[in-house]
Amino acid sequence: MPHALLADAFPERPVLDMALSHALLLRVAEGARPATARIYEPGPTVAFSKLDSHAPGFAAACDAARAHGYEPVVRLGGGHAAAYGPGCL
């Protein structure tokens, strides 16, 4: 099975980075792409889970993230918020 390495990144647009990861997962799962590893350095991001997005205080948490220079996004899986940015892979 062929493998692919993808290093495209959009650190100034964390929502686009998240969308690219989601699209890659879907394309690999449906067999339209070979097994792929995406390695990139993200911009300042706080990735919330869907569970987080339904919690009281979610809007305030997003405001706090933005106030500290982090872009809030909702990721597909995971437990709770994870903050990351430059220097992370």
Protein backbone atom coordinates (compact mmCIF):
# COMPACT_ATOMS: atom_id res chain seq x y z
CA MET A 1 0.00 0.00 0.00
CA PRO A 2 1.49 3.40 -0.94
CA HIS A 3 1.92 5.98 1.78
CA ALA A 4 1.87 9.77 1.53
CA LEU A 5 3.39 12.52 3.63
CA LEU A 6 1.63 15.87 3.59
CA ALA A 7 3.22 18.98 5.08
CA ASP A 8 0.79 21.65 3.84
CA ALA A 9 -0.24 24.03 6.62
CA PHE A 10 -2.14 27.23 7.15
CA PRO A 11 -0.94 28.49 10.57
CA GLU A 12 -2.61 31.85 10.05
CA ARG A 13 -5.96 30.06 9.51
CA PRO A 14 -6.46 27.32 12.14
CA VAL A 15 -10.00 26.59 10.93
CA LEU A 16 -8.60 25.76 7.48
CA ASP A 17 -5.95 23.50 9.06
CA MET A 18 -8.69 21.64 10.95
CA ALA A 19 -10.79 21.33 7.77
CA LEU A 20 -7.82 19.93 5.84
CA SER A 21 -7.22 17.29 8.51
CA HIS A 22 -10.90 16.33 8.45
CA ALA A 23 -10.96 16.10 4.65
CA LEU A 24 -7.82 13.94 4.63
CA LEU A 25 -9.31 11.54 7.18
CA LEU A 26 -12.44 11.17 5.09
CA ARG A 27 -10.54 10.65 1.81
CA VAL A 28 -8.23 8.02 3.32
CA ALA A 29 -11.18 6.25 4.99
CA GLU A 30 -13.05 6.00 1.68
CA GLY A 31 -9.95 4.74 -0.12
CA ALA A 32 -9.57 7.81 -2.35
CA ARG A 33 -6.10 8.55 -0.89
CA PRO A 34 -3.33 6.26 0.30
CA ALA A 35 -2.43 6.06 3.98
CA THR A 36 -1.32 9.59 4.80
CA ALA A 37 0.63 11.28 7.59
CA ARG A 38 0.12 15.02 7.95
CA ILE A 39 2.91 16.80 9.79
CA TYR A 40 2.61 20.54 10.27
CA GLU A 41 3.27 23.37 12.70
CA PRO A 42 -0.07 24.90 13.68
CA GLY A 43 -0.92 28.47 14.48
CA PRO A 44 -2.12 29.36 17.99
CA THR A 45 -5.24 27.24 18.41
CA VAL A 46 -7.54 25.99 21.14
CA ALA A 47 -9.23 22.86 19.81
CA PHE A 48 -12.46 22.17 21.65
CA SER A 49 -14.37 18.90 21.40
CA LYS A 50 -18.00 18.69 20.32
CA LEU A 51 -18.79 17.94 23.97
CA ASP A 52 -17.12 21.22 24.97
CA SER A 53 -19.12 23.13 22.36
CA HIS A 54 -22.38 22.21 24.13
CA ALA A 55 -21.18 23.10 27.63
CA PRO A 56 -22.26 26.23 29.49
CA GLY A 57 -19.53 28.82 29.20
CA PHE A 58 -18.35 27.69 25.76
CA ALA A 59 -18.77 31.16 24.24
CA ALA A 60 -16.83 32.69 27.15
CA ALA A 61 -14.07 30.11 26.71
CA CYS A 62 -13.83 31.02 23.01
CA ASP A 63 -13.65 34.71 23.92
CA ALA A 64 -10.87 33.99 26.44
CA ALA A 65 -8.93 31.99 23.83
CA ARG A 66 -9.18 34.86 21.35
CA ALA A 67 -8.17 37.39 24.02
CA HIS A 68 -4.93 35.43 24.45
CA GLY A 69 -4.25 35.21 20.72
CA TYR A 70 -5.60 31.68 20.13
CA GLU A 71 -8.19 30.76 17.52
CA PRO A 72 -10.94 28.49 18.90
CA VAL A 73 -11.98 25.56 16.69
CA VAL A 74 -14.16 22.48 17.25
CA ARG A 75 -12.37 19.23 16.40
CA LEU A 76 -13.90 15.90 15.46
CA GLY A 77 -12.81 13.81 18.43
CA GLY A 78 -11.16 14.03 21.78
CA GLY A 79 -12.14 14.75 25.33
CA HIS A 80 -11.74 18.42 26.15
CA ALA A 81 -9.94 21.55 25.03
CA ALA A 82 -6.33 21.34 23.91
CA ALA A 83 -4.24 24.45 23.28
CA TYR A 84 -1.31 24.32 20.86
CA GLY A 85 0.58 26.53 18.44
CA PRO A 86 4.00 27.34 17.01
CA GLY A 87 6.63 24.89 18.24
CA CYS A 88 4.10 22.02 18.29
CA LEU A 89 3.83 19.35 15.60
